[in-house]
Each structure stands twice: as C-alpha cells, then as structure tokens.
Amino acid sequence: MGLVGAGLLGACIVADPLPEQRSLPARRPSIEGTNPPATKVLTQLTNTTLSVRVRLYNPALSFQWRVFVDWDPVLNPQQIVAFGPSGARSFADLQIVEFEMPRDTVDLNVCHTIEFVTAIEFHPTSAHAAVDGRGASSISWTYVPMGDYSKCSGYDGGATDGGFFDAGSDASSDAMTP
C-alpha cells in the first residue's frame, strides 16, 4: 500500500489544475528620475538630450509620453512639442525615454517650463490628460537661457493666469487733494 499510496498522492498533485494567474492592475507609469535632474535649472538646450526613467507596474503594458513647453490649459491647451510610445527597455519594468527640444518650435532666447507627461493612454480631446482614472505622471524643468533671469517674464497676475481682473483704483473721484 505504501508504494500504491505514494503513486496516488503524486497523481493527485499533478491532476490538480494550476491556480489562475492574476494579471497586474493597469496603474499609471511613474517617473523614477531624470537626466539632467529636474531640480537643476537648464541654461542651454542646444544639443541637449533630456532623459526620463519611467517605471511600469505592469511591464506587459505600453505607455505614451508627451512633452509640453509653457503649457497653458486656456491659451495653449494642445501644444505638444515631442511625443512617442514607450521608451527603450533597460529592465523589465523600467524604460528610458530620451528627447531633444525641437529648435524650430521653441524660442531659445526666452525662459520656458518644459514638462514631460506620461500615461498609459492620453485622452483624445485633452492633450494633457489621461484617458481614464488611472492618471498620469509628470515632471518639469526650468530653462533660463545662459542663466540670465532677465530673459524670464514675471507673473503678472492676469486673469488668464488665474489672477484677478484689475478692479481699478479704490480711490473715489472726490478724494481729498493736498
């Protein structure tokens, strides 16, 4: 019985179906780092390659990425200066995306905010938003030509930038004169 029992036990293990493999959830890709670092102010963009390390929680999924310069949801909601599908794989769940700024669309004599955004898929009517609730990840650099901050415009508080309309003077027309 010992030999027969061992044979039956082995048959039971082989005959049991394998448990179903659960697929990984479709989560947004995350940004793991950049080169040059996003904390460093960029002082030149000619012949500069920017690279972003993107981690995928499900390596079987592809992702999309887009680059925006001075993106404004009101004045310039669809401006994309670079885009693409997944980057080059360096590990199973980590990909490297590299891009250069197109010199024909970006004035290199003034300051800019360069933003890299990645998502599993972008919404067809909103260049800056993911197609579903999984969201997107983004990171940005500041470009100051030759490190000269006088080339940067300051925040003017205008209504299109989220500020308030100018209400005019608070003084009445019959104010006392000296």
Protein backbone atom coordinates (compact mmCIF):
# COMPACT_ATOMS: atom_id res chain seq x y z
CA MET A 1 0.00 0.00 0.00
CA GLY A 2 2.89 2.34 0.68
CA LEU A 3 4.02 2.28 -2.94
CA VAL A 4 0.47 2.49 -4.32
CA GLY A 5 -0.42 5.29 -1.87
CA ALA A 6 2.64 7.29 -2.91
CA GLY A 7 1.70 6.86 -6.57
CA LEU A 8 -1.84 8.07 -5.92
CA LEU A 9 -0.61 11.04 -3.95
CA GLY A 10 1.68 12.04 -6.82
CA ALA A 11 -1.19 11.69 -9.29
CA CYS A 12 -3.39 13.98 -7.23
CA ILE A 13 -0.83 16.75 -7.22
CA VAL A 14 -0.33 16.56 -10.98
CA ALA A 15 -4.06 16.29 -11.67
CA ASP A 16 -4.97 19.47 -9.74
CA PRO A 17 -5.38 22.47 -12.06
CA LEU A 18 -2.90 25.31 -11.70
CA PRO A 19 -4.28 28.35 -9.93
CA GLU A 20 -5.28 31.20 -12.22
CA GLN A 21 -2.58 33.77 -12.68
CA ARG A 22 -3.93 37.18 -11.88
CA SER A 23 -2.82 39.96 -14.14
CA LEU A 24 -1.25 43.03 -12.64
CA PRO A 25 -3.54 46.06 -12.38
CA ALA A 26 -3.20 48.72 -15.05
CA ARG A 27 -1.67 51.52 -12.98
CA ARG A 28 -0.19 54.70 -14.35
CA PRO A 29 3.52 54.67 -15.13
CA SER A 30 5.65 56.55 -12.62
CA ILE A 31 8.69 58.74 -13.18
CA GLU A 32 11.73 57.42 -11.33
CA GLY A 33 14.29 60.05 -12.30
CA THR A 34 15.66 62.34 -14.99
CA ASN A 35 18.90 63.39 -16.57
CA PRO A 36 19.66 66.21 -16.17
CA PRO A 37 17.93 66.35 -12.78
CA ALA A 38 14.68 68.30 -12.79
CA THR A 39 15.95 70.29 -9.80
CA LYS A 40 18.74 71.74 -11.96
CA VAL A 41 17.95 74.89 -13.96
CA LEU A 42 18.75 74.28 -17.62
CA THR A 43 20.86 77.09 -19.10
CA GLN A 44 21.18 75.74 -22.65
CA LEU A 45 19.11 73.38 -24.78
CA THR A 46 21.13 73.17 -27.99
CA ASN A 47 22.36 69.59 -28.38
CA THR A 48 20.91 68.66 -25.00
CA THR A 49 19.19 65.30 -24.65
CA LEU A 50 16.73 65.04 -21.79
CA SER A 51 16.06 61.54 -20.48
CA VAL A 52 13.37 60.24 -18.16
CA ARG A 53 13.28 56.87 -16.39
CA VAL A 54 9.71 55.54 -16.42
CA ARG A 55 8.66 52.59 -14.24
CA LEU A 56 5.81 50.37 -15.40
CA TYR A 57 3.89 48.43 -12.78
CA ASN A 58 2.78 46.01 -15.49
CA PRO A 59 5.67 45.55 -17.96
CA ALA A 60 3.28 43.94 -20.46
CA LEU A 61 1.54 47.30 -20.97
CA SER A 62 2.85 50.02 -23.22
CA PHE A 63 2.64 53.70 -22.36
CA GLN A 64 2.66 57.07 -24.09
CA TRP A 65 4.57 60.26 -23.33
CA ARG A 66 4.34 63.89 -24.34
CA VAL A 67 6.47 66.99 -23.86
CA PHE A 68 4.93 70.42 -23.43
CA VAL A 69 6.65 73.81 -23.35
CA ASP A 70 4.90 76.56 -21.39
CA TRP A 71 1.67 74.55 -21.38
CA ASP A 72 -1.39 76.64 -20.60
CA PRO A 73 -4.83 74.99 -20.36
CA VAL A 74 -6.56 78.18 -21.55
CA LEU A 75 -4.23 79.83 -24.06
CA ASN A 76 -2.42 76.80 -25.46
CA PRO A 77 -4.09 73.53 -24.38
CA GLN A 78 -2.92 71.33 -27.28
CA GLN A 79 0.73 72.38 -27.71
CA ILE A 80 2.83 69.22 -27.83
CA VAL A 81 6.48 69.63 -28.89
CA ALA A 82 7.53 65.96 -28.65
CA PHE A 83 5.71 62.68 -28.12
CA GLY A 84 6.02 58.97 -28.54
CA PRO A 85 5.16 55.46 -27.50
CA SER A 86 7.10 53.50 -24.91
CA GLY A 87 10.81 54.18 -24.44
CA ALA A 88 13.80 51.84 -24.62
CA ARG A 89 13.71 49.00 -22.09
CA SER A 90 16.56 48.89 -19.62
CA PHE A 91 14.92 46.43 -17.22
CA ALA A 92 11.64 44.53 -17.41
CA ASP A 93 9.71 47.28 -15.63
CA LEU A 94 11.90 50.32 -16.33
CA GLN A 95 12.15 52.22 -19.61
CA ILE A 96 14.24 55.20 -20.63
CA VAL A 97 12.69 57.94 -22.78
CA GLU A 98 15.07 60.39 -24.45
CA PHE A 99 14.18 63.53 -26.38
CA GLU A 100 15.62 66.84 -27.57
CA MET A 101 13.81 70.14 -27.79
CA PRO A 102 12.82 70.95 -31.37
CA ARG A 103 14.62 74.21 -32.13
CA ASP A 104 12.15 75.23 -34.80
CA THR A 105 9.20 75.45 -32.37
CA VAL A 106 10.89 76.75 -29.19
CA ASP A 107 12.46 80.21 -28.86
CA LEU A 108 15.74 79.51 -27.07
CA ASN A 109 16.23 83.21 -26.22
CA VAL A 110 13.49 83.31 -23.56
CA CYS A 111 12.73 81.27 -20.42
CA HIS A 112 10.50 78.20 -20.58
CA THR A 113 8.95 75.49 -18.45
CA ILE A 114 9.43 72.09 -20.08
CA GLU A 115 7.04 69.41 -18.89
CA PHE A 116 7.22 65.66 -19.55
CA VAL A 117 3.94 63.77 -19.03
CA THR A 118 3.42 60.00 -19.26
CA ALA A 119 0.26 57.89 -19.14
CA ILE A 120 -0.94 54.51 -20.32
CA GLU A 121 -3.06 56.41 -22.83
CA PHE A 122 -3.89 60.09 -23.32
CA HIS A 123 -7.42 61.39 -23.72
CA PRO A 124 -8.25 62.08 -27.40
CA THR A 125 -9.70 65.54 -26.71
CA SER A 126 -7.30 66.70 -23.99
CA ALA A 127 -3.61 66.55 -24.83
CA HIS A 128 -2.58 66.81 -21.19
CA ALA A 129 -4.93 64.29 -19.52
CA ALA A 130 -5.01 60.50 -19.22
CA VAL A 131 -7.86 58.63 -20.89
CA ASP A 132 -9.22 57.15 -17.67
CA GLY A 133 -8.98 57.39 -13.92
CA ARG A 134 -5.52 55.82 -13.77
CA GLY A 135 -3.96 59.24 -14.13
CA ALA A 136 -0.65 60.47 -15.47
CA SER A 137 2.77 61.28 -14.07
CA SER A 138 4.69 64.43 -14.88
CA ILE A 139 7.93 66.22 -14.17
CA SER A 140 9.23 69.59 -15.34
CA TRP A 141 12.43 71.50 -15.90
CA THR A 142 13.03 75.25 -15.93
CA TYR A 143 15.01 76.67 -18.84
CA VAL A 144 16.80 80.01 -18.34
CA PRO A 145 18.93 81.00 -21.37
CA MET A 146 22.57 81.25 -20.34
CA GLY A 147 21.39 81.53 -16.71
CA ASP A 148 20.18 85.09 -17.36
CA TYR A 149 16.93 85.51 -15.39
CA SER A 150 16.29 88.89 -17.01
CA LYS A 151 15.10 86.85 -20.03
CA CYS A 152 12.25 85.48 -17.91
CA SER A 153 8.93 87.24 -17.64
CA GLY A 154 7.46 87.57 -14.17
CA TYR A 155 3.98 86.52 -13.11
CA ASP A 156 1.66 89.39 -13.95
CA GLY A 157 -1.42 88.14 -12.12
CA GLY A 158 -3.52 88.41 -15.27
CA ALA A 159 -6.97 86.83 -15.33
CA THR A 160 -5.97 84.16 -17.86
CA ASP A 161 -3.21 83.04 -15.49
CA GLY A 162 -5.61 82.51 -12.61
CA GLY A 163 -5.29 86.03 -11.22
CA PHE A 164 -7.97 88.66 -10.75
CA PHE A 165 -9.17 91.26 -13.20
CA ASP A 166 -7.96 94.79 -12.47
CA ALA A 167 -10.74 96.47 -10.50
CA GLY A 168 -9.26 99.91 -11.00
CA SER A 169 -8.43 102.39 -8.29
CA ASP A 170 -10.05 102.14 -4.86
CA ALA A 171 -9.97 105.93 -4.53
CA SER A 172 -13.16 107.78 -5.26
CA SER A 173 -13.27 110.65 -7.70
CA ASP A 174 -13.98 113.13 -4.92
CA ALA A 175 -10.91 112.22 -2.90
CA MET A 176 -9.28 115.00 -0.91
CA THR A 177 -6.44 116.77 -2.62
CA PRO A 178 -3.44 118.05 -0.68
